[in-house]
Amino acid sequence: MGSNSTSQLSAATALAQLLAEYPELPTAEWRIGSIIPTLEAFLFGDMSELAAYAEVLGGSVRAAESTYTLYDREMRRHVLTTVWRDVPVEVSVALPVAAAAVSA
């Protein structure tokens, strides 16, 4: 098994452990990076769901500087960046800019 496969296995193991140990975390769409074995998750919720991950994983939440338009709504991505079991993790949620300002 190559080093990239081993790294991906480490990331997959870390994800399995996270979900087994914290089944109450909000549902997310997960992927493991193919070049750099980073765990990446996208939430289809709000800042409270991102906060739930931050409470468990630690790390820092940052709002993207740029915005984008989706279905005529101005959106901004908010990202939690941390490390879990020696694996880099990025959990993000996209929110309408007005909703994010209210949540902050």
PDB file of N, CA and C in Angstrom:
ATOM      1  N   MET A   1       0.855  -1.171   0.000  1.00  0.00           N
ATOM      2  CA  MET A   1       0.000   0.000   0.000  1.00  0.00           C
ATOM      3  C   MET A   1       0.895   1.226   0.000  1.00  0.00           C
ATOM      4  N   GLY A   2       0.644   2.200  -0.874  1.00  0.00           N
ATOM      5  CA  GLY A   2       1.436   3.411  -0.967  1.00  0.00           C
ATOM      6  C   GLY A   2       1.188   4.343   0.207  1.00  0.00           C
ATOM      7  N   SER A   3       2.046   5.362   0.356  1.00  0.00           N
ATOM      8  CA  SER A   3       1.898   6.288   1.478  1.00  0.00           C
ATOM      9  C   SER A   3       0.605   7.090   1.378  1.00  0.00           C
ATOM     10  N   ASN A   4       0.138   7.405   0.155  1.00  0.00           N
ATOM     11  CA  ASN A   4      -1.112   8.134   0.008  1.00  0.00           C
ATOM     12  C   ASN A   4      -2.282   7.273   0.464  1.00  0.00           C
ATOM     13  N   SER A   5      -2.249   5.971   0.133  1.00  0.00           N
ATOM     14  CA  SER A   5      -3.311   5.059   0.577  1.00  0.00           C
ATOM     15  C   SER A   5      -3.311   4.935   2.089  1.00  0.00           C
ATOM     16  N   THR A   6      -2.115   4.869   2.674  1.00  0.00           N
ATOM     17  CA  THR A   6      -2.013   4.787   4.131  1.00  0.00           C
ATOM     18  C   THR A   6      -2.556   6.054   4.773  1.00  0.00           C
ATOM     19  N   SER A   7      -2.235   7.215   4.190  1.00  0.00           N
ATOM     20  CA  SER A   7      -2.731   8.487   4.711  1.00  0.00           C
ATOM     21  C   SER A   7      -4.246   8.566   4.601  1.00  0.00           C
ATOM     22  N   GLN A   8      -4.790   8.097   3.472  1.00  0.00           N
ATOM     23  CA  GLN A   8      -6.239   8.100   3.320  1.00  0.00           C
ATOM     24  C   GLN A   8      -6.888   7.151   4.316  1.00  0.00           C
ATOM     25  N   LEU A   9      -6.247   6.025   4.586  1.00  0.00           N
ATOM     26  CA  LEU A   9      -6.769   5.095   5.574  1.00  0.00           C
ATOM     27  C   LEU A   9      -6.780   5.739   6.962  1.00  0.00           C
ATOM     28  N   SER A  10      -5.732   6.483   7.289  1.00  0.00           N
ATOM     29  CA  SER A  10      -5.690   7.193   8.570  1.00  0.00           C
ATOM     30  C   SER A  10      -6.837   8.195   8.667  1.00  0.00           C
ATOM     31  N   ALA A  11      -7.096   8.924   7.592  1.00  0.00           N
ATOM     32  CA  ALA A  11      -8.192   9.895   7.576  1.00  0.00           C
ATOM     33  C   ALA A  11      -9.537   9.187   7.704  1.00  0.00           C
ATOM     34  N   ALA A  12      -9.704   8.070   7.004  1.00  0.00           N
ATOM     35  CA  ALA A  12     -10.960   7.308   7.083  1.00  0.00           C
ATOM     36  C   ALA A  12     -11.177   6.763   8.494  1.00  0.00           C
ATOM     37  N   THR A  13     -10.116   6.289   9.110  1.00  0.00           N
ATOM     38  CA  THR A  13     -10.200   5.776  10.483  1.00  0.00           C
ATOM     39  C   THR A  13     -10.581   6.896  11.443  1.00  0.00           C
ATOM     40  N   ALA A  14      -9.958   8.062  11.270  1.00  0.00           N
ATOM     41  CA  ALA A  14     -10.279   9.205  12.127  1.00  0.00           C
ATOM     42  C   ALA A  14     -11.744   9.605  11.974  1.00  0.00           C
ATOM     43  N   LEU A  15     -12.246   9.594  10.746  1.00  0.00           N
ATOM     44  CA  LEU A  15     -13.657   9.933  10.520  1.00  0.00           C
ATOM     45  C   LEU A  15     -14.568   8.911  11.180  1.00  0.00           C
ATOM     46  N   ALA A  16     -14.270   7.637  11.024  1.00  0.00           N
ATOM     47  CA  ALA A  16     -15.086   6.586  11.651  1.00  0.00           C
ATOM     48  C   ALA A  16     -15.096   6.746  13.170  1.00  0.00           C
ATOM     49  N   GLN A  17     -13.952   7.066  13.750  1.00  0.00           N
ATOM     50  CA  GLN A  17     -13.874   7.260  15.195  1.00  0.00           C
ATOM     51  C   GLN A  17     -14.690   8.479  15.630  1.00  0.00           C
ATOM     52  N   LEU A  18     -14.586   9.565  14.873  1.00  0.00           N
ATOM     53  CA  LEU A  18     -15.344  10.777  15.198  1.00  0.00           C
ATOM     54  C   LEU A  18     -16.840  10.498  15.212  1.00  0.00           C
ATOM     55  N   LEU A  19     -17.324   9.845  14.162  1.00  0.00           N
ATOM     56  CA  LEU A  19     -18.757   9.576  14.067  1.00  0.00           C
ATOM     57  C   LEU A  19     -19.235   8.560  15.094  1.00  0.00           C
ATOM     58  N   ALA A  20     -18.379   7.596  15.443  1.00  0.00           N
ATOM     59  CA  ALA A  20     -18.742   6.600  16.464  1.00  0.00           C
ATOM     60  C   ALA A  20     -18.763   7.219  17.856  1.00  0.00           C
ATOM     61  N   GLU A  21     -17.812   8.087  18.134  1.00  0.00           N
ATOM     62  CA  GLU A  21     -17.714   8.689  19.466  1.00  0.00           C
ATOM     63  C   GLU A  21     -18.694   9.829  19.687  1.00  0.00           C
ATOM     64  N   TYR A  22     -19.123  10.479  18.617  1.00  0.00           N
ATOM     65  CA  TYR A  22     -20.034  11.626  18.717  1.00  0.00           C
ATOM     66  C   TYR A  22     -21.186  11.485  17.724  1.00  0.00           C
ATOM     67  N   PRO A  23     -22.038  10.480  17.925  1.00  0.00           N
ATOM     68  CA  PRO A  23     -23.140  10.260  16.976  1.00  0.00           C
ATOM     69  C   PRO A  23     -24.156  11.402  16.960  1.00  0.00           C
ATOM     70  N   GLU A  24     -24.115  12.259  17.956  1.00  0.00           N
ATOM     71  CA  GLU A  24     -25.059  13.375  18.022  1.00  0.00           C
ATOM     72  C   GLU A  24     -24.678  14.548  17.117  1.00  0.00           C
ATOM     73  N   LEU A  25     -23.491  14.497  16.523  1.00  0.00           N
ATOM     74  CA  LEU A  25     -23.095  15.581  15.628  1.00  0.00           C
ATOM     75  C   LEU A  25     -24.060  15.673  14.443  1.00  0.00           C
ATOM     76  N   PRO A  26     -24.295  16.891  13.968  1.00  0.00           N
ATOM     77  CA  PRO A  26     -25.196  17.056  12.823  1.00  0.00           C
ATOM     78  C   PRO A  26     -24.685  16.288  11.598  1.00  0.00           C
ATOM     79  N   THR A  27     -25.613  15.858  10.779  1.00  0.00           N
ATOM     80  CA  THR A  27     -25.278  15.148   9.544  1.00  0.00           C
ATOM     81  C   THR A  27     -24.500  16.076   8.618  1.00  0.00           C
ATOM     82  N   ALA A  28     -23.461  15.518   8.004  1.00  0.00           N
ATOM     83  CA  ALA A  28     -22.629  16.284   7.080  1.00  0.00           C
ATOM     84  C   ALA A  28     -22.303  15.423   5.870  1.00  0.00           C
ATOM     85  N   GLU A  29     -21.959  16.075   4.794  1.00  0.00           N
ATOM     86  CA  GLU A  29     -21.456  15.379   3.609  1.00  0.00           C
ATOM     87  C   GLU A  29     -19.935  15.384   3.719  1.00  0.00           C
ATOM     88  N   TRP A  30     -19.333  14.195   3.829  1.00  0.00           N
ATOM     89  CA  TRP A  30     -17.896  14.069   4.068  1.00  0.00           C
ATOM     90  C   TRP A  30     -17.153  13.612   2.820  1.00  0.00           C
ATOM     91  N   ARG A  31     -15.895  14.041   2.722  1.00  0.00           N
ATOM     92  CA  ARG A  31     -14.995  13.526   1.702  1.00  0.00           C
ATOM     93  C   ARG A  31     -13.585  13.537   2.267  1.00  0.00           C
ATOM     94  N   ILE A  32     -12.754  12.670   1.719  1.00  0.00           N
ATOM     95  CA  ILE A  32     -11.350  12.599   2.090  1.00  0.00           C
ATOM     96  C   ILE A  32     -10.556  13.043   0.870  1.00  0.00           C
ATOM     97  N   GLY A  33      -9.705  14.033   1.054  1.00  0.00           N
ATOM     98  CA  GLY A  33      -8.898  14.539  -0.049  1.00  0.00           C
ATOM     99  C   GLY A  33      -8.035  13.438  -0.642  1.00  0.00           C
ATOM    100  N   SER A  34      -7.899  13.437  -1.959  1.00  0.00           N
ATOM    101  CA  SER A  34      -7.133  12.382  -2.621  1.00  0.00           C
ATOM    102  C   SER A  34      -5.642  12.685  -2.685  1.00  0.00           C
ATOM    103  N   ILE A  35      -5.274  13.940  -2.726  1.00  0.00           N
ATOM    104  CA  ILE A  35      -3.860  14.316  -2.776  1.00  0.00           C
ATOM    105  C   ILE A  35      -3.331  14.509  -1.356  1.00  0.00           C
ATOM    106  N   ILE A  36      -3.984  15.382  -0.613  1.00  0.00           N
ATOM    107  CA  ILE A  36      -3.662  15.600   0.801  1.00  0.00           C
ATOM    108  C   ILE A  36      -4.825  15.016   1.586  1.00  0.00           C
ATOM    109  N   PRO A  37      -4.566  14.003   2.409  1.00  0.00           N
ATOM    110  CA  PRO A  37      -5.667  13.329   3.112  1.00  0.00           C
ATOM    111  C   PRO A  37      -6.266  14.178   4.231  1.00  0.00           C
ATOM    112  N   THR A  38      -7.070  15.132   3.822  1.00  0.00           N
ATOM    113  CA  THR A  38      -7.777  16.014   4.738  1.00  0.00           C
ATOM    114  C   THR A  38      -9.233  15.570   4.798  1.00  0.00           C
ATOM    115  N   LEU A  39      -9.818  15.597   5.986  1.00  0.00           N
ATOM    116  CA  LEU A  39     -11.258  15.347   6.103  1.00  0.00           C
ATOM    117  C   LEU A  39     -11.973  16.653   5.813  1.00  0.00           C
ATOM    118  N   GLU A  40     -12.918  16.622   4.898  1.00  0.00           N
ATOM    119  CA  GLU A  40     -13.677  17.804   4.532  1.00  0.00           C
ATOM    120  C   GLU A  40     -15.154  17.490   4.656  1.00  0.00           C
ATOM    121  N   ALA A  41     -15.874  18.381   5.334  1.00  0.00           N
ATOM    122  CA  ALA A  41     -17.309  18.179   5.518  1.00  0.00           C
ATOM    123  C   ALA A  41     -18.060  19.434   5.123  1.00  0.00           C
ATOM    124  N   PHE A  42     -19.248  19.234   4.564  1.00  0.00           N
ATOM    125  CA  PHE A  42     -20.139  20.343   4.261  1.00  0.00           C
ATOM    126  C   PHE A  42     -21.442  20.115   4.997  1.00  0.00           C
ATOM    127  N   LEU A  43     -21.867  21.135   5.735  1.00  0.00           N
ATOM    128  CA  LEU A  43     -23.123  21.080   6.482  1.00  0.00           C
ATOM    129  C   LEU A  43     -24.221  21.774   5.693  1.00  0.00           C
ATOM    130  N   PHE A  44     -25.400  21.226   5.737  1.00  0.00           N
ATOM    131  CA  PHE A  44     -26.554  21.833   5.082  1.00  0.00           C
ATOM    132  C   PHE A  44     -27.470  22.398   6.160  1.00  0.00           C
ATOM    133  N   GLY A  45     -26.901  23.242   7.023  1.00  0.00           N
ATOM    134  CA  GLY A  45     -27.659  23.772   8.149  1.00  0.00           C
ATOM    135  C   GLY A  45     -27.320  25.220   8.411  1.00  0.00           C
ATOM    136  N   ASP A  46     -26.976  25.485   9.669  1.00  0.00           N
ATOM    137  CA  ASP A  46     -26.702  26.864  10.061  1.00  0.00           C
ATOM    138  C   ASP A  46     -25.492  26.913  10.993  1.00  0.00           C
ATOM    139  N   MET A  47     -25.241  28.075  11.561  1.00  0.00           N
ATOM    140  CA  MET A  47     -24.067  28.255  12.408  1.00  0.00           C
ATOM    141  C   MET A  47     -24.113  27.383  13.665  1.00  0.00           C
ATOM    142  N   SER A  48     -25.303  27.043  14.146  1.00  0.00           N
ATOM    143  CA  SER A  48     -25.385  26.198  15.342  1.00  0.00           C
ATOM    144  C   SER A  48     -24.808  24.807  15.060  1.00  0.00           C
ATOM    145  N   GLU A  49     -24.981  24.322  13.844  1.00  0.00           N
ATOM    146  CA  GLU A  49     -24.412  23.021  13.486  1.00  0.00           C
ATOM    147  C   GLU A  49     -22.893  23.105  13.391  1.00  0.00           C
ATOM    148  N   LEU A  50     -22.384  24.190  12.841  1.00  0.00           N
ATOM    149  CA  LEU A  50     -20.940  24.380  12.789  1.00  0.00           C
ATOM    150  C   LEU A  50     -20.381  24.510  14.201  1.00  0.00           C
ATOM    151  N   ALA A  51     -21.110  25.190  15.074  1.00  0.00           N
ATOM    152  CA  ALA A  51     -20.700  25.346  16.473  1.00  0.00           C
ATOM    153  C   ALA A  51     -20.642  23.998  17.187  1.00  0.00           C
ATOM    154  N   ALA A  52     -21.538  23.078  16.843  1.00  0.00           N
ATOM    155  CA  ALA A  52     -21.519  21.741  17.456  1.00  0.00           C
ATOM    156  C   ALA A  52     -20.214  21.016  17.121  1.00  0.00           C
ATOM    157  N   TYR A  53     -19.764  21.140  15.882  1.00  0.00           N
ATOM    158  CA  TYR A  53     -18.486  20.540  15.496  1.00  0.00           C
ATOM    159  C   TYR A  53     -17.325  21.241  16.198  1.00  0.00           C
ATOM    160  N   ALA A  54     -17.391  22.560  16.306  1.00  0.00           N
ATOM    161  CA  ALA A  54     -16.328  23.313  16.969  1.00  0.00           C
ATOM    162  C   ALA A  54     -16.218  22.922  18.444  1.00  0.00           C
ATOM    163  N   GLU A  55     -17.355  22.666  19.079  1.00  0.00           N
ATOM    164  CA  GLU A  55     -17.351  22.264  20.489  1.00  0.00           C
ATOM    165  C   GLU A  55     -16.636  20.935  20.684  1.00  0.00           C
ATOM    166  N   VAL A  56     -16.822  20.018  19.767  1.00  0.00           N
ATOM    167  CA  VAL A  56     -16.199  18.693  19.853  1.00  0.00           C
ATOM    168  C   VAL A  56     -14.744  18.718  19.386  1.00  0.00           C
ATOM    169  N   LEU A  57     -14.487  19.397  18.274  1.00  0.00           N
ATOM    170  CA  LEU A  57     -13.171  19.335  17.639  1.00  0.00           C
ATOM    171  C   LEU A  57     -12.215  20.457  18.027  1.00  0.00           C
ATOM    172  N   GLY A  58     -12.752  21.544  18.591  1.00  0.00           N
ATOM    173  CA  GLY A  58     -11.910  22.705  18.826  1.00  0.00           C
ATOM    174  C   GLY A  58     -11.624  23.388  17.504  1.00  0.00           C
ATOM    175  N   GLY A  59     -10.551  24.139  17.442  1.00  0.00           N
ATOM    176  CA  GLY A  59     -10.201  24.819  16.206  1.00  0.00           C
ATOM    177  C   GLY A  59     -10.792  26.205  16.128  1.00  0.00           C
ATOM    178  N   SER A  60     -10.742  26.789  14.945  1.00  0.00           N
ATOM    179  CA  SER A  60     -11.248  28.141  14.768  1.00  0.00           C
ATOM    180  C   SER A  60     -12.191  28.211  13.578  1.00  0.00           C
ATOM    181  N   VAL A  61     -13.197  29.072  13.713  1.00  0.00           N
ATOM    182  CA  VAL A  61     -14.172  29.289  12.640  1.00  0.00           C
ATOM    183  C   VAL A  61     -13.878  30.643  12.020  1.00  0.00           C
ATOM    184  N   ARG A  62     -13.791  30.652  10.712  1.00  0.00           N
ATOM    185  CA  ARG A  62     -13.532  31.885   9.968  1.00  0.00           C
ATOM    186  C   ARG A  62     -14.555  32.011   8.843  1.00  0.00           C
ATOM    187  N   ALA A  63     -14.961  33.246   8.604  1.00  0.00           N
ATOM    188  CA  ALA A  63     -15.831  33.532   7.459  1.00  0.00           C
ATOM    189  C   ALA A  63     -14.954  33.846   6.258  1.00  0.00           C
ATOM    190  N   ALA A  64     -15.330  33.338   5.115  1.00  0.00           N
ATOM    191  CA  ALA A  64     -14.606  33.644   3.888  1.00  0.00           C
ATOM    192  C   ALA A  64     -14.706  35.137   3.605  1.00  0.00           C
ATOM    193  N   GLU A  65     -13.650  35.695   3.038  1.00  0.00           N
ATOM    194  CA  GLU A  65     -13.679  37.119   2.704  1.00  0.00           C
ATOM    195  C   GLU A  65     -14.608  37.393   1.533  1.00  0.00           C
ATOM    196  N   SER A  66     -14.642  36.483   0.594  1.00  0.00           N
ATOM    197  CA  SER A  66     -15.456  36.700  -0.605  1.00  0.00           C
ATOM    198  C   SER A  66     -16.834  36.067  -0.439  1.00  0.00           C
ATOM    199  N   THR A  67     -17.765  36.562  -1.214  1.00  0.00           N
ATOM    200  CA  THR A  67     -19.114  36.009  -1.248  1.00  0.00           C
ATOM    201  C   THR A  67     -19.385  35.516  -2.664  1.00  0.00           C
ATOM    202  N   TYR A  68     -20.472  34.802  -2.819  1.00  0.00           N
ATOM    203  CA  TYR A  68     -20.897  34.343  -4.137  1.00  0.00           C
ATOM    204  C   TYR A  68     -22.411  34.361  -4.186  1.00  0.00           C
ATOM    205  N   THR A  69     -22.954  34.295  -5.376  1.00  0.00           N
ATOM    206  CA  THR A  69     -24.400  34.343  -5.553  1.00  0.00           C
ATOM    207  C   THR A  69     -24.916  32.953  -5.881  1.00  0.00           C
ATOM    208  N   LEU A  70     -25.947  32.551  -5.172  1.00  0.00           N
ATOM    209  CA  LEU A  70     -26.605  31.272  -5.401  1.00  0.00           C
ATOM    210  C   LEU A  70     -28.107  31.519  -5.372  1.00  0.00           C
ATOM    211  N   TYR A  71     -28.774  31.248  -6.474  1.00  0.00           N
ATOM    212  CA  TYR A  71     -30.221  31.472  -6.582  1.00  0.00           C
ATOM    213  C   TYR A  71     -30.598  32.896  -6.151  1.00  0.00           C
ATOM    214  N   ASP A  72     -29.866  33.873  -6.652  1.00  0.00           N
ATOM    215  CA  ASP A  72     -30.121  35.295  -6.386  1.00  0.00           C
ATOM    216  C   ASP A  72     -29.913  35.691  -4.923  1.00  0.00           C
ATOM    217  N   ARG A  73     -29.176  34.879  -4.164  1.00  0.00           N
ATOM    218  CA  ARG A  73     -28.878  35.224  -2.762  1.00  0.00           C
ATOM    219  C   ARG A  73     -27.367  35.328  -2.600  1.00  0.00           C
ATOM    220  N   GLU A  74     -26.936  36.350  -1.892  1.00  0.00           N
ATOM    221  CA  GLU A  74     -25.511  36.505  -1.612  1.00  0.00           C
ATOM    222  C   GLU A  74     -25.138  35.557  -0.464  1.00  0.00           C
ATOM    223  N   MET A  75     -24.154  34.696  -0.719  1.00  0.00           N
ATOM    224  CA  MET A  75     -23.770  33.653   0.233  1.00  0.00           C
ATOM    225  C   MET A  75     -22.320  33.849   0.682  1.00  0.00           C
ATOM    226  N   ARG A  76     -22.032  33.369   1.884  1.00  0.00           N
ATOM    227  CA  ARG A  76     -20.665  33.368   2.398  1.00  0.00           C
ATOM    228  C   ARG A  76     -20.412  32.024   3.075  1.00  0.00           C
ATOM    229  N   ARG A  77     -19.236  31.486   2.844  1.00  0.00           N
ATOM    230  CA  ARG A  77     -18.826  30.211   3.422  1.00  0.00           C
ATOM    231  C   ARG A  77     -18.157  30.468   4.772  1.00  0.00           C
ATOM    232  N   HIS A  78     -18.514  29.678   5.777  1.00  0.00           N
ATOM    233  CA  HIS A  78     -17.920  29.745   7.116  1.00  0.00           C
ATOM    234  C   HIS A  78     -17.243  28.396   7.355  1.00  0.00           C
ATOM    235  N   VAL A  79     -15.977  28.435   7.791  1.00  0.00           N
ATOM    236  CA  VAL A  79     -15.172  27.219   7.843  1.00  0.00           C
ATOM    237  C   VAL A  79     -14.538  27.030   9.218  1.00  0.00           C
ATOM    238  N   LEU A  80     -14.719  25.833   9.759  1.00  0.00           N
ATOM    239  CA  LEU A  80     -14.007  25.399  10.961  1.00  0.00           C
ATOM    240  C   LEU A  80     -12.769  24.645  10.498  1.00  0.00           C
ATOM    241  N   THR A  81     -11.605  25.069  10.963  1.00  0.00           N
ATOM    242  CA  THR A  81     -10.352  24.416  10.627  1.00  0.00           C
ATOM    243  C   THR A  81      -9.736  23.880  11.912  1.00  0.00           C
ATOM    244  N   THR A  82      -9.388  22.589  11.895  1.00  0.00           N
ATOM    245  CA  THR A  82      -8.850  21.964  13.096  1.00  0.00           C
ATOM    246  C   THR A  82      -8.095  20.693  12.715  1.00  0.00           C
ATOM    247  N   VAL A  83      -7.690  19.941  13.726  1.00  0.00           N
ATOM    248  CA  VAL A  83      -7.036  18.649  13.532  1.00  0.00           C
ATOM    249  C   VAL A  83      -7.704  17.650  14.472  1.00  0.00           C
ATOM    250  N   TRP A  84      -8.029  16.472  13.945  1.00  0.00           N
ATOM    251  CA  TRP A  84      -8.633  15.396  14.731  1.00  0.00           C
ATOM    252  C   TRP A  84      -7.798  14.136  14.523  1.00  0.00           C
ATOM    253  N   ARG A  85      -7.263  13.598  15.602  1.00  0.00           N
ATOM    254  CA  ARG A  85      -6.452  12.385  15.528  1.00  0.00           C
ATOM    255  C   ARG A  85      -5.337  12.515  14.484  1.00  0.00           C
ATOM    256  N   ASP A  86      -4.661  13.643  14.497  1.00  0.00           N
ATOM    257  CA  ASP A  86      -3.538  13.945  13.596  1.00  0.00           C
ATOM    258  C   ASP A  86      -3.941  14.114  12.130  1.00  0.00           C
ATOM    259  N   VAL A  87      -5.223  14.297  11.867  1.00  0.00           N
ATOM    260  CA  VAL A  87      -5.715  14.490  10.496  1.00  0.00           C
ATOM    261  C   VAL A  87      -6.312  15.891  10.387  1.00  0.00           C
ATOM    262  N   PRO A  88      -5.871  16.698   9.418  1.00  0.00           N
ATOM    263  CA  PRO A  88      -6.481  18.019   9.216  1.00  0.00           C
ATOM    264  C   PRO A  88      -7.970  17.873   8.862  1.00  0.00           C
ATOM    265  N   VAL A  89      -8.788  18.746   9.452  1.00  0.00           N
ATOM    266  CA  VAL A  89     -10.237  18.704   9.238  1.00  0.00           C
ATOM    267  C   VAL A  89     -10.727  20.104   8.885  1.00  0.00           C
ATOM    268  N   GLU A  90     -11.624  20.142   7.909  1.00  0.00           N
ATOM    269  CA  GLU A  90     -12.277  21.388   7.519  1.00  0.00           C
ATOM    270  C   GLU A  90     -13.774  21.119   7.416  1.00  0.00           C
ATOM    271  N   VAL A  91     -14.559  21.806   8.241  1.00  0.00           N
ATOM    272  CA  VAL A  91     -16.021  21.669   8.222  1.00  0.00           C
ATOM    273  C   VAL A  91     -16.585  23.023   7.820  1.00  0.00           C
ATOM    274  N   SER A  92     -17.445  23.037   6.811  1.00  0.00           N
ATOM    275  CA  SER A  92     -17.956  24.325   6.336  1.00  0.00           C
ATOM    276  C   SER A  92     -19.470  24.323   6.192  1.00  0.00           C
ATOM    277  N   VAL A  93     -20.005  25.530   6.228  1.00  0.00           N
ATOM    278  CA  VAL A  93     -21.420  25.757   5.974  1.00  0.00           C
ATOM    279  C   VAL A  93     -21.512  27.044   5.181  1.00  0.00           C
ATOM    280  N   ALA A  94     -22.418  27.101   4.230  1.00  0.00           N
ATOM    281  CA  ALA A  94     -22.650  28.321   3.448  1.00  0.00           C
ATOM    282  C   ALA A  94     -23.970  28.914   3.882  1.00  0.00           C
ATOM    283  N   LEU A  95     -23.940  30.206   4.170  1.00  0.00           N
ATOM    284  CA  LEU A  95     -25.138  30.890   4.658  1.00  0.00           C
ATOM    285  C   LEU A  95     -25.381  32.166   3.874  1.00  0.00           C
ATOM    286  N   PRO A  96     -26.648  32.561   3.763  1.00  0.00           N
ATOM    287  CA  PRO A  96     -26.903  33.871   3.191  1.00  0.00           C
ATOM    288  C   PRO A  96     -26.193  34.933   4.028  1.00  0.00           C
ATOM    289  N   VAL A  97     -25.640  35.923   3.409  1.00  0.00           N
ATOM    290  CA  VAL A  97     -24.875  36.937   4.132  1.00  0.00           C
ATOM    291  C   VAL A  97     -25.718  37.586   5.229  1.00  0.00           C
ATOM    292  N   ALA A  98     -26.963  37.896   4.956  1.00  0.00           N
ATOM    293  CA  ALA A  98     -27.819  38.520   5.975  1.00  0.00           C
ATOM    294  C   ALA A  98     -28.039  37.587   7.161  1.00  0.00           C
ATOM    295  N   ALA A  99     -28.224  36.288   6.926  1.00  0.00           N
ATOM    296  CA  ALA A  99     -28.441  35.326   8.004  1.00  0.00           C
ATOM    297  C   ALA A  99     -27.194  35.186   8.851  1.00  0.00           C
ATOM    298  N   ALA A 100     -26.037  35.202   8.238  1.00  0.00           N
ATOM    299  CA  ALA A 100     -24.785  35.078   8.986  1.00  0.00           C
ATOM    300  C   ALA A 100     -24.582  36.276   9.890  1.00  0.00           C
ATOM    301  N   ALA A 101     -24.967  37.459   9.426  1.00  0.00           N
ATOM    302  CA  ALA A 101     -24.812  38.675  10.244  1.00  0.00           C
ATOM    303  C   ALA A 101     -25.703  38.600  11.477  1.00  0.00           C
ATOM    304  N   VAL A 102     -26.879  38.020  11.359  1.00  0.00           N
ATOM    305  CA  VAL A 102     -27.792  37.873  12.483  1.00  0.00           C
ATOM    306  C   VAL A 102     -27.258  36.843  13.470  1.00  0.00           C
ATOM    307  N   SER A 103     -26.632  35.770  12.948  1.00  0.00           N
ATOM    308  CA  SER A 103     -26.114  34.692  13.789  1.00  0.00           C
ATOM    309  C   SER A 103     -24.881  35.097  14.575  1.00  0.00           C
ATOM    310  N   ALA A 104     -24.134  36.050  14.069  1.00  0.00           N
ATOM    311  CA  ALA A 104     -22.843  36.412  14.681  1.00  0.00           C
ATOM    312  C   ALA A 104     -22.984  37.133  15.991  1.00  0.00           C
TER     313      ALA A 104
END
